[in-house]
């Protein structure tokens, strides 16, 4: 059964432009890590300083665990 996950994140106003710019050039290895972890149909929507993230996966807890251990995810988040 596919889980549909959505969450909301608020950015500091001075971080919005940097967030948008970074997400125009998401690293291919980051996308590949998400796909291997079982993430499908991942989207981010920005309105003002609010970010809405949506994704689909069969096991969100397992995907989140797997991604938290990946070096590429740690580098991206830094």
C-alpha atoms as a PDB file:
ATOM      1  CA  UNK A   1       0.000   0.000   0.000  1.00  0.00           C
ATOM      2  CA  UNK A   2       1.374   3.396  -0.970  1.00  0.00           C
ATOM      3  CA  UNK A   3       1.749   5.992   1.786  1.00  0.00           C
ATOM      4  CA  UNK A   4       1.189   9.608   0.810  1.00  0.00           C
ATOM      5  CA  UNK A   5       3.194  11.995   2.982  1.00  0.00           C
ATOM      6  CA  UNK A   6       2.915  15.776   3.155  1.00  0.00           C
ATOM      7  CA  UNK A   7       4.537  18.193   5.521  1.00  0.00           C
ATOM      8  CA  UNK A   8       4.947  21.927   5.881  1.00  0.00           C
ATOM      9  CA  UNK A   9       8.138  23.790   6.576  1.00  0.00           C
ATOM     10  CA  UNK A  10       8.609  27.490   7.259  1.00  0.00           C
ATOM     11  CA  UNK A  11      11.731  29.220   6.018  1.00  0.00           C
ATOM     12  CA  UNK A  12      13.264  32.301   7.539  1.00  0.00           C
ATOM     13  CA  UNK A  13      12.446  35.117   5.110  1.00  0.00           C
ATOM     14  CA  UNK A  14      16.125  35.658   4.269  1.00  0.00           C
ATOM     15  CA  UNK A  15      16.509  31.962   3.327  1.00  0.00           C
ATOM     16  CA  UNK A  16      13.698  31.756   0.728  1.00  0.00           C
ATOM     17  CA  UNK A  17      15.719  32.802  -2.312  1.00  0.00           C
ATOM     18  CA  UNK A  18      18.591  30.440  -1.447  1.00  0.00           C
ATOM     19  CA  UNK A  19      16.139  27.576  -0.978  1.00  0.00           C
ATOM     20  CA  UNK A  20      14.554  28.236  -4.370  1.00  0.00           C
ATOM     21  CA  UNK A  21      17.940  28.481  -6.093  1.00  0.00           C
ATOM     22  CA  UNK A  22      19.241  25.264  -4.505  1.00  0.00           C
ATOM     23  CA  UNK A  23      16.132  23.359  -5.556  1.00  0.00           C
ATOM     24  CA  UNK A  24      16.516  24.430  -9.181  1.00  0.00           C
ATOM     25  CA  UNK A  25      19.692  22.316  -9.245  1.00  0.00           C
ATOM     26  CA  UNK A  26      19.005  19.250  -7.086  1.00  0.00           C
ATOM     27  CA  UNK A  27      21.933  16.851  -7.308  1.00  0.00           C
ATOM     28  CA  UNK A  28      21.176  13.762  -9.436  1.00  0.00           C
ATOM     29  CA  UNK A  29      22.745  11.530  -6.760  1.00  0.00           C
ATOM     30  CA  UNK A  30      20.286  12.932  -4.200  1.00  0.00           C
ATOM     31  CA  UNK A  31      17.352  12.074  -6.447  1.00  0.00           C
ATOM     32  CA  UNK A  32      18.828   8.615  -7.031  1.00  0.00           C
ATOM     33  CA  UNK A  33      19.191   8.033  -3.271  1.00  0.00           C
ATOM     34  CA  UNK A  34      15.533   8.916  -2.765  1.00  0.00           C
ATOM     35  CA  UNK A  35      14.441   6.628  -5.578  1.00  0.00           C
ATOM     36  CA  UNK A  36      16.493   3.735  -4.175  1.00  0.00           C
ATOM     37  CA  UNK A  37      14.939   4.354  -0.759  1.00  0.00           C
ATOM     38  CA  UNK A  38      11.491   3.997  -2.334  1.00  0.00           C
ATOM     39  CA  UNK A  39      10.481   7.651  -2.643  1.00  0.00           C
ATOM     40  CA  UNK A  40       8.165   8.355  -5.567  1.00  0.00           C
ATOM     41  CA  UNK A  41       6.405  11.476  -6.825  1.00  0.00           C
ATOM     42  CA  UNK A  42       8.367  13.888  -4.619  1.00  0.00           C
ATOM     43  CA  UNK A  43       7.433  17.558  -4.979  1.00  0.00           C
ATOM     44  CA  UNK A  44       8.090  20.809  -3.135  1.00  0.00           C
ATOM     45  CA  UNK A  45       5.903  23.870  -3.447  1.00  0.00           C
ATOM     46  CA  UNK A  46       6.977  27.290  -2.174  1.00  0.00           C
ATOM     47  CA  UNK A  47       4.581  30.086  -1.365  1.00  0.00           C
ATOM     48  CA  UNK A  48       6.141  33.026   0.423  1.00  0.00           C
ATOM     49  CA  UNK A  49       8.236  31.460   3.181  1.00  0.00           C
ATOM     50  CA  UNK A  50       6.090  28.318   3.411  1.00  0.00           C
ATOM     51  CA  UNK A  51       7.272  25.093   1.791  1.00  0.00           C
ATOM     52  CA  UNK A  52       4.882  22.194   1.263  1.00  0.00           C
ATOM     53  CA  UNK A  53       6.577  18.872   0.588  1.00  0.00           C
ATOM     54  CA  UNK A  54       4.692  15.897  -0.844  1.00  0.00           C
ATOM     55  CA  UNK A  55       5.933  12.381  -1.562  1.00  0.00           C
ATOM     56  CA  UNK A  56       4.735   8.836  -1.995  1.00  0.00           C
ATOM     57  CA  UNK A  57       6.419   5.683  -0.690  1.00  0.00           C
ATOM     58  CA  UNK A  58       5.468   2.217   0.452  1.00  0.00           C
ATOM     59  CA  UNK A  59       7.227   2.608   3.833  1.00  0.00           C
ATOM     60  CA  UNK A  60       8.022   6.151   4.922  1.00  0.00           C
ATOM     61  CA  UNK A  61       9.737   5.140   8.161  1.00  0.00           C
ATOM     62  CA  UNK A  62      12.092   2.779   6.306  1.00  0.00           C
ATOM     63  CA  UNK A  63      12.798   5.335   3.570  1.00  0.00           C
ATOM     64  CA  UNK A  64      13.529   8.064   6.134  1.00  0.00           C
ATOM     65  CA  UNK A  65      15.895   5.742   8.049  1.00  0.00           C
ATOM     66  CA  UNK A  66      17.735   4.769   4.888  1.00  0.00           C
ATOM     67  CA  UNK A  67      18.082   8.359   3.685  1.00  0.00           C
ATOM     68  CA  UNK A  68      19.253   9.632   7.083  1.00  0.00           C
ATOM     69  CA  UNK A  69      22.308   7.382   6.750  1.00  0.00           C
ATOM     70  CA  UNK A  70      23.289   8.547   3.252  1.00  0.00           C
ATOM     71  CA  UNK A  71      26.254  10.896   2.942  1.00  0.00           C
ATOM     72  CA  UNK A  72      24.682  12.716  -0.008  1.00  0.00           C
ATOM     73  CA  UNK A  73      21.630  13.565   2.118  1.00  0.00           C
ATOM     74  CA  UNK A  74      23.824  14.821   4.959  1.00  0.00           C
ATOM     75  CA  UNK A  75      25.792  17.016   2.541  1.00  0.00           C
ATOM     76  CA  UNK A  76      22.604  18.386   0.958  1.00  0.00           C
ATOM     77  CA  UNK A  77      21.070  19.188   4.329  1.00  0.00           C
ATOM     78  CA  UNK A  78      24.235  20.994   5.452  1.00  0.00           C
END
